[in-house]
């Protein structure tokens, strides 16, 4: 199996790069984000590679970072997410943004990727919810609070504070994340007004 390739960029295609390694040209499929990070043709580059072997073909997928490669493997483990869709998601969202979207159940952010409809975005959020904190820079305690909100287990003041921020024009995932963070700072018995004020501070960070 090929895990990494280091060579000279021979040329680019719409969704791939050809990497010349000691005279052998490897065609490596990449996300748009990875392609944009690579140097011009004729310069050296390194790609972290996932090798997919099937009866009728061997295909290489290349990534700028090991984290992006890890997310590719996580995504294709979700029913309905093939290699092309996984690359589309990684082209649309950075790994950290994807982790946060899953943690906060921001289906709209994931659905921005080509080929991802609302149902598939929801499935990604549900199936990968427990894995998001491992790869994102988000506090697991805040993820848990946001999950309580989504499942209807949050207190009345928390729900009211989220509704107030939504009425101010913030998106529901933004508002949920901000009030979840505010509740962590202020404690579980905080009143609605205090949560709103702290939530606005969190949004201003």
C-alpha atoms as a PDB file:
ATOM      1  CA  UNK A   1       0.000   0.000   0.000  1.00  0.00           C
ATOM      2  CA  UNK A   2       1.140   3.543  -0.732  1.00  0.00           C
ATOM      3  CA  UNK A   3       0.871   5.836   2.299  1.00  0.00           C
ATOM      4  CA  UNK A   4       2.820   8.853   1.096  1.00  0.00           C
ATOM      5  CA  UNK A   5       4.286  10.145  -2.152  1.00  0.00           C
ATOM      6  CA  UNK A   6       7.016  12.714  -2.612  1.00  0.00           C
ATOM      7  CA  UNK A   7       7.894  13.868  -6.091  1.00  0.00           C
ATOM      8  CA  UNK A   8       7.604  16.602  -8.711  1.00  0.00           C
ATOM      9  CA  UNK A   9       4.290  17.966  -9.967  1.00  0.00           C
ATOM     10  CA  UNK A  10       3.966  16.838 -13.585  1.00  0.00           C
ATOM     11  CA  UNK A  11       0.530  18.297 -14.246  1.00  0.00           C
ATOM     12  CA  UNK A  12      -2.969  18.967 -12.971  1.00  0.00           C
ATOM     13  CA  UNK A  13      -6.442  17.752 -13.897  1.00  0.00           C
ATOM     14  CA  UNK A  14      -9.820  18.970 -12.702  1.00  0.00           C
ATOM     15  CA  UNK A  15      -9.823  16.681  -9.660  1.00  0.00           C
ATOM     16  CA  UNK A  16      -6.334  15.197  -9.665  1.00  0.00           C
ATOM     17  CA  UNK A  17      -2.616  15.802  -9.881  1.00  0.00           C
ATOM     18  CA  UNK A  18       0.061  13.740 -11.589  1.00  0.00           C
ATOM     19  CA  UNK A  19       3.071  13.355  -9.331  1.00  0.00           C
ATOM     20  CA  UNK A  20       6.333  12.236 -10.934  1.00  0.00           C
ATOM     21  CA  UNK A  21       8.213   9.990  -8.504  1.00  0.00           C
ATOM     22  CA  UNK A  22      11.537   8.842  -9.995  1.00  0.00           C
ATOM     23  CA  UNK A  23      10.096   8.764 -13.504  1.00  0.00           C
ATOM     24  CA  UNK A  24       6.775   7.140 -12.611  1.00  0.00           C
ATOM     25  CA  UNK A  25       3.713   9.376 -12.897  1.00  0.00           C
ATOM     26  CA  UNK A  26       1.131   8.690 -10.198  1.00  0.00           C
ATOM     27  CA  UNK A  27      -2.390  10.022 -10.814  1.00  0.00           C
ATOM     28  CA  UNK A  28      -3.687  11.097  -7.413  1.00  0.00           C
ATOM     29  CA  UNK A  29      -7.243  12.324  -6.820  1.00  0.00           C
ATOM     30  CA  UNK A  30      -7.452  15.267  -4.408  1.00  0.00           C
ATOM     31  CA  UNK A  31      -9.912  17.674  -2.875  1.00  0.00           C
ATOM     32  CA  UNK A  32     -10.016  21.157  -4.352  1.00  0.00           C
ATOM     33  CA  UNK A  33      -8.526  22.463  -1.108  1.00  0.00           C
ATOM     34  CA  UNK A  34      -5.499  20.158  -1.410  1.00  0.00           C
ATOM     35  CA  UNK A  35      -5.034  20.982  -5.098  1.00  0.00           C
ATOM     36  CA  UNK A  36      -5.014  24.693  -4.288  1.00  0.00           C
ATOM     37  CA  UNK A  37      -2.328  24.138  -1.648  1.00  0.00           C
ATOM     38  CA  UNK A  38       0.088  22.434  -4.050  1.00  0.00           C
ATOM     39  CA  UNK A  39       2.854  24.277  -5.936  1.00  0.00           C
ATOM     40  CA  UNK A  40       2.964  24.848  -9.712  1.00  0.00           C
ATOM     41  CA  UNK A  41       3.992  22.130 -12.143  1.00  0.00           C
ATOM     42  CA  UNK A  42       7.698  21.397 -12.044  1.00  0.00           C
ATOM     43  CA  UNK A  43       8.037  21.900  -8.288  1.00  0.00           C
ATOM     44  CA  UNK A  44       8.359  19.296  -5.549  1.00  0.00           C
ATOM     45  CA  UNK A  45       5.399  18.242  -3.405  1.00  0.00           C
ATOM     46  CA  UNK A  46       4.433  15.649  -0.812  1.00  0.00           C
ATOM     47  CA  UNK A  47       1.012  14.045  -0.474  1.00  0.00           C
ATOM     48  CA  UNK A  48      -0.397  11.781   2.231  1.00  0.00           C
ATOM     49  CA  UNK A  49      -2.038   8.995   0.261  1.00  0.00           C
ATOM     50  CA  UNK A  50      -4.935   6.620   0.793  1.00  0.00           C
ATOM     51  CA  UNK A  51      -4.810   3.640  -1.582  1.00  0.00           C
ATOM     52  CA  UNK A  52      -8.200   2.184  -2.524  1.00  0.00           C
ATOM     53  CA  UNK A  53      -8.022  -1.253  -4.120  1.00  0.00           C
ATOM     54  CA  UNK A  54     -10.892  -2.913  -5.940  1.00  0.00           C
ATOM     55  CA  UNK A  55     -11.115  -5.887  -8.255  1.00  0.00           C
ATOM     56  CA  UNK A  56     -11.097  -3.682 -11.339  1.00  0.00           C
ATOM     57  CA  UNK A  57      -8.883  -0.773 -10.315  1.00  0.00           C
ATOM     58  CA  UNK A  58      -6.436   0.798  -7.892  1.00  0.00           C
ATOM     59  CA  UNK A  59      -7.064   4.460  -7.109  1.00  0.00           C
ATOM     60  CA  UNK A  60      -4.930   6.889  -5.122  1.00  0.00           C
ATOM     61  CA  UNK A  61      -6.349   9.757  -3.071  1.00  0.00           C
ATOM     62  CA  UNK A  62      -3.973  12.456  -1.880  1.00  0.00           C
ATOM     63  CA  UNK A  63      -4.209  14.893   1.011  1.00  0.00           C
ATOM     64  CA  UNK A  64      -2.217  17.879   2.176  1.00  0.00           C
ATOM     65  CA  UNK A  65      -2.358  16.796   5.824  1.00  0.00           C
ATOM     66  CA  UNK A  66      -2.796  13.532   7.773  1.00  0.00           C
ATOM     67  CA  UNK A  67      -5.917  15.001   9.420  1.00  0.00           C
ATOM     68  CA  UNK A  68      -7.589  15.513   6.047  1.00  0.00           C
ATOM     69  CA  UNK A  69      -6.734  11.897   5.167  1.00  0.00           C
ATOM     70  CA  UNK A  70      -8.231  10.700   8.462  1.00  0.00           C
ATOM     71  CA  UNK A  71     -11.435  12.615   7.773  1.00  0.00           C
ATOM     72  CA  UNK A  72     -11.658  11.098   4.291  1.00  0.00           C
ATOM     73  CA  UNK A  73     -11.602   7.608   5.798  1.00  0.00           C
ATOM     74  CA  UNK A  74     -14.156   8.573   8.449  1.00  0.00           C
ATOM     75  CA  UNK A  75     -16.518  10.089   5.878  1.00  0.00           C
ATOM     76  CA  UNK A  76     -16.481   7.141   3.477  1.00  0.00           C
ATOM     77  CA  UNK A  77     -17.502   4.951   6.407  1.00  0.00           C
ATOM     78  CA  UNK A  78     -20.889   6.684   6.415  1.00  0.00           C
ATOM     79  CA  UNK A  79     -23.553   4.994   4.296  1.00  0.00           C
ATOM     80  CA  UNK A  80     -24.150   7.020   1.151  1.00  0.00           C
ATOM     81  CA  UNK A  81     -20.809   8.832   1.262  1.00  0.00           C
ATOM     82  CA  UNK A  82     -18.560   7.640  -1.527  1.00  0.00           C
ATOM     83  CA  UNK A  83     -15.066   8.795  -2.357  1.00  0.00           C
ATOM     84  CA  UNK A  84     -16.271  11.579  -4.661  1.00  0.00           C
ATOM     85  CA  UNK A  85     -18.682  12.979  -2.065  1.00  0.00           C
ATOM     86  CA  UNK A  86     -16.044  12.760   0.674  1.00  0.00           C
ATOM     87  CA  UNK A  87     -13.668  14.833  -1.470  1.00  0.00           C
ATOM     88  CA  UNK A  88     -16.471  17.314  -2.181  1.00  0.00           C
ATOM     89  CA  UNK A  89     -17.071  17.763   1.553  1.00  0.00           C
ATOM     90  CA  UNK A  90     -13.361  18.253   2.221  1.00  0.00           C
ATOM     91  CA  UNK A  91     -13.239  20.733  -0.671  1.00  0.00           C
ATOM     92  CA  UNK A  92     -16.005  22.755   0.966  1.00  0.00           C
ATOM     93  CA  UNK A  93     -15.049  22.547   4.663  1.00  0.00           C
ATOM     94  CA  UNK A  94     -11.704  22.531   6.422  1.00  0.00           C
ATOM     95  CA  UNK A  95     -11.330  19.547   8.794  1.00  0.00           C
ATOM     96  CA  UNK A  96     -11.778  21.760  11.866  1.00  0.00           C
ATOM     97  CA  UNK A  97     -14.903  23.367  10.378  1.00  0.00           C
ATOM     98  CA  UNK A  98     -16.291  19.950   9.486  1.00  0.00           C
ATOM     99  CA  UNK A  99     -15.688  18.691  13.024  1.00  0.00           C
ATOM    100  CA  UNK A 100     -17.448  21.712  14.493  1.00  0.00           C
ATOM    101  CA  UNK A 101     -20.367  21.398  12.055  1.00  0.00           C
ATOM    102  CA  UNK A 102     -20.872  17.774  13.084  1.00  0.00           C
ATOM    103  CA  UNK A 103     -20.541  18.579  16.777  1.00  0.00           C
ATOM    104  CA  UNK A 104     -23.095  21.381  16.519  1.00  0.00           C
ATOM    105  CA  UNK A 105     -25.380  19.465  14.139  1.00  0.00           C
ATOM    106  CA  UNK A 106     -24.966  22.193  11.521  1.00  0.00           C
ATOM    107  CA  UNK A 107     -26.489  20.201   8.672  1.00  0.00           C
ATOM    108  CA  UNK A 108     -26.711  23.267   6.434  1.00  0.00           C
ATOM    109  CA  UNK A 109     -22.935  23.738   6.476  1.00  0.00           C
ATOM    110  CA  UNK A 110     -22.319  20.141   5.399  1.00  0.00           C
ATOM    111  CA  UNK A 111     -25.082  20.288   2.788  1.00  0.00           C
ATOM    112  CA  UNK A 112     -23.186  23.083   1.011  1.00  0.00           C
ATOM    113  CA  UNK A 113     -20.912  20.408  -0.462  1.00  0.00           C
ATOM    114  CA  UNK A 114     -21.911  19.261  -3.967  1.00  0.00           C
ATOM    115  CA  UNK A 115     -23.739  15.940  -3.893  1.00  0.00           C
ATOM    116  CA  UNK A 116     -24.776  16.252  -0.239  1.00  0.00           C
ATOM    117  CA  UNK A 117     -28.505  16.652   0.367  1.00  0.00           C
ATOM    118  CA  UNK A 118     -30.243  17.401   3.675  1.00  0.00           C
ATOM    119  CA  UNK A 119     -30.837  13.712   4.519  1.00  0.00           C
ATOM    120  CA  UNK A 120     -27.219  12.744   3.912  1.00  0.00           C
ATOM    121  CA  UNK A 121     -25.996  15.761   5.872  1.00  0.00           C
ATOM    122  CA  UNK A 122     -28.171  14.690   8.784  1.00  0.00           C
ATOM    123  CA  UNK A 123     -26.859  11.121   8.592  1.00  0.00           C
ATOM    124  CA  UNK A 124     -23.271  12.404   8.672  1.00  0.00           C
ATOM    125  CA  UNK A 125     -24.038  14.480  11.770  1.00  0.00           C
ATOM    126  CA  UNK A 126     -25.722  11.577  13.560  1.00  0.00           C
ATOM    127  CA  UNK A 127     -23.204   8.851  12.706  1.00  0.00           C
ATOM    128  CA  UNK A 128     -20.085  10.947  13.297  1.00  0.00           C
ATOM    129  CA  UNK A 129     -21.239  12.982  16.292  1.00  0.00           C
ATOM    130  CA  UNK A 130     -19.041  11.107  18.770  1.00  0.00           C
ATOM    131  CA  UNK A 131     -15.950  11.428  16.584  1.00  0.00           C
ATOM    132  CA  UNK A 132     -16.066  15.190  16.014  1.00  0.00           C
ATOM    133  CA  UNK A 133     -14.472  16.308  19.308  1.00  0.00           C
ATOM    134  CA  UNK A 134     -11.491  14.062  18.657  1.00  0.00           C
ATOM    135  CA  UNK A 135     -10.633  15.902  15.459  1.00  0.00           C
ATOM    136  CA  UNK A 136     -11.937  19.389  16.168  1.00  0.00           C
ATOM    137  CA  UNK A 137     -10.795  22.074  18.542  1.00  0.00           C
ATOM    138  CA  UNK A 138     -14.176  22.166  20.236  1.00  0.00           C
ATOM    139  CA  UNK A 139     -14.763  21.544  23.935  1.00  0.00           C
ATOM    140  CA  UNK A 140     -16.521  18.167  24.433  1.00  0.00           C
ATOM    141  CA  UNK A 141     -18.519  19.681  27.310  1.00  0.00           C
ATOM    142  CA  UNK A 142     -19.957  22.264  24.932  1.00  0.00           C
ATOM    143  CA  UNK A 143     -20.744  19.511  22.429  1.00  0.00           C
ATOM    144  CA  UNK A 144     -22.675  17.653  25.138  1.00  0.00           C
ATOM    145  CA  UNK A 145     -24.679  20.766  26.042  1.00  0.00           C
ATOM    146  CA  UNK A 146     -25.438  21.424  22.388  1.00  0.00           C
ATOM    147  CA  UNK A 147     -26.605  17.813  22.098  1.00  0.00           C
ATOM    148  CA  UNK A 148     -28.988  18.349  25.035  1.00  0.00           C
ATOM    149  CA  UNK A 149     -30.461  21.325  23.181  1.00  0.00           C
ATOM    150  CA  UNK A 150     -30.925  19.322  19.991  1.00  0.00           C
ATOM    151  CA  UNK A 151     -32.554  16.445  21.871  1.00  0.00           C
ATOM    152  CA  UNK A 152     -34.911  18.683  23.829  1.00  0.00           C
ATOM    153  CA  UNK A 153     -33.275  18.024  27.204  1.00  0.00           C
ATOM    154  CA  UNK A 154     -31.959  21.560  27.742  1.00  0.00           C
ATOM    155  CA  UNK A 155     -33.443  23.830  30.413  1.00  0.00           C
ATOM    156  CA  UNK A 156     -36.022  26.495  29.625  1.00  0.00           C
ATOM    157  CA  UNK A 157     -33.593  29.437  30.057  1.00  0.00           C
ATOM    158  CA  UNK A 158     -31.114  27.816  27.641  1.00  0.00           C
ATOM    159  CA  UNK A 159     -33.809  27.270  25.007  1.00  0.00           C
ATOM    160  CA  UNK A 160     -35.133  30.820  25.484  1.00  0.00           C
ATOM    161  CA  UNK A 161     -31.647  32.304  25.189  1.00  0.00           C
ATOM    162  CA  UNK A 162     -31.006  30.421  21.940  1.00  0.00           C
ATOM    163  CA  UNK A 163     -34.345  31.620  20.579  1.00  0.00           C
ATOM    164  CA  UNK A 164     -33.420  35.204  21.485  1.00  0.00           C
ATOM    165  CA  UNK A 165     -30.122  34.998  19.579  1.00  0.00           C
ATOM    166  CA  UNK A 166     -31.875  33.467  16.577  1.00  0.00           C
ATOM    167  CA  UNK A 167     -34.329  36.387  16.647  1.00  0.00           C
ATOM    168  CA  UNK A 168     -31.328  38.728  16.588  1.00  0.00           C
ATOM    169  CA  UNK A 169     -30.299  37.198  13.271  1.00  0.00           C
ATOM    170  CA  UNK A 170     -27.798  34.523  14.257  1.00  0.00           C
ATOM    171  CA  UNK A 171     -28.056  31.058  12.721  1.00  0.00           C
ATOM    172  CA  UNK A 172     -29.389  28.324  15.002  1.00  0.00           C
ATOM    173  CA  UNK A 173     -26.083  26.366  15.095  1.00  0.00           C
ATOM    174  CA  UNK A 174     -24.204  29.582  15.970  1.00  0.00           C
ATOM    175  CA  UNK A 175     -26.726  30.486  18.651  1.00  0.00           C
ATOM    176  CA  UNK A 176     -26.721  26.971  20.098  1.00  0.00           C
ATOM    177  CA  UNK A 177     -22.940  26.854  20.296  1.00  0.00           C
ATOM    178  CA  UNK A 178     -22.744  30.306  21.891  1.00  0.00           C
ATOM    179  CA  UNK A 179     -25.373  29.598  24.558  1.00  0.00           C
ATOM    180  CA  UNK A 180     -23.885  26.165  25.262  1.00  0.00           C
ATOM    181  CA  UNK A 181     -20.542  27.871  25.864  1.00  0.00           C
ATOM    182  CA  UNK A 182     -22.261  30.513  27.999  1.00  0.00           C
ATOM    183  CA  UNK A 183     -23.955  27.846  30.102  1.00  0.00           C
ATOM    184  CA  UNK A 184     -20.591  26.201  30.693  1.00  0.00           C
ATOM    185  CA  UNK A 185     -19.182  29.518  31.956  1.00  0.00           C
ATOM    186  CA  UNK A 186     -22.187  30.565  34.069  1.00  0.00           C
ATOM    187  CA  UNK A 187     -23.388  27.193  35.321  1.00  0.00           C
ATOM    188  CA  UNK A 188     -26.562  25.224  34.793  1.00  0.00           C
ATOM    189  CA  UNK A 189     -28.806  27.530  36.858  1.00  0.00           C
ATOM    190  CA  UNK A 190     -28.089  30.730  34.925  1.00  0.00           C
ATOM    191  CA  UNK A 191     -31.075  32.878  33.959  1.00  0.00           C
ATOM    192  CA  UNK A 192     -32.033  33.693  30.395  1.00  0.00           C
ATOM    193  CA  UNK A 193     -30.761  37.279  30.454  1.00  0.00           C
ATOM    194  CA  UNK A 194     -27.344  36.302  31.753  1.00  0.00           C
ATOM    195  CA  UNK A 195     -27.069  33.537  29.159  1.00  0.00           C
ATOM    196  CA  UNK A 196     -27.926  35.962  26.355  1.00  0.00           C
ATOM    197  CA  UNK A 197     -25.304  38.488  27.495  1.00  0.00           C
ATOM    198  CA  UNK A 198     -22.617  35.824  27.842  1.00  0.00           C
ATOM    199  CA  UNK A 199     -23.684  34.241  24.562  1.00  0.00           C
ATOM    200  CA  UNK A 200     -23.162  37.545  22.753  1.00  0.00           C
ATOM    201  CA  UNK A 201     -19.687  37.737  24.292  1.00  0.00           C
ATOM    202  CA  UNK A 202     -18.936  34.259  22.991  1.00  0.00           C
ATOM    203  CA  UNK A 203     -20.085  35.245  19.502  1.00  0.00           C
ATOM    204  CA  UNK A 204     -17.863  38.333  19.607  1.00  0.00           C
ATOM    205  CA  UNK A 205     -14.699  36.299  20.284  1.00  0.00           C
END
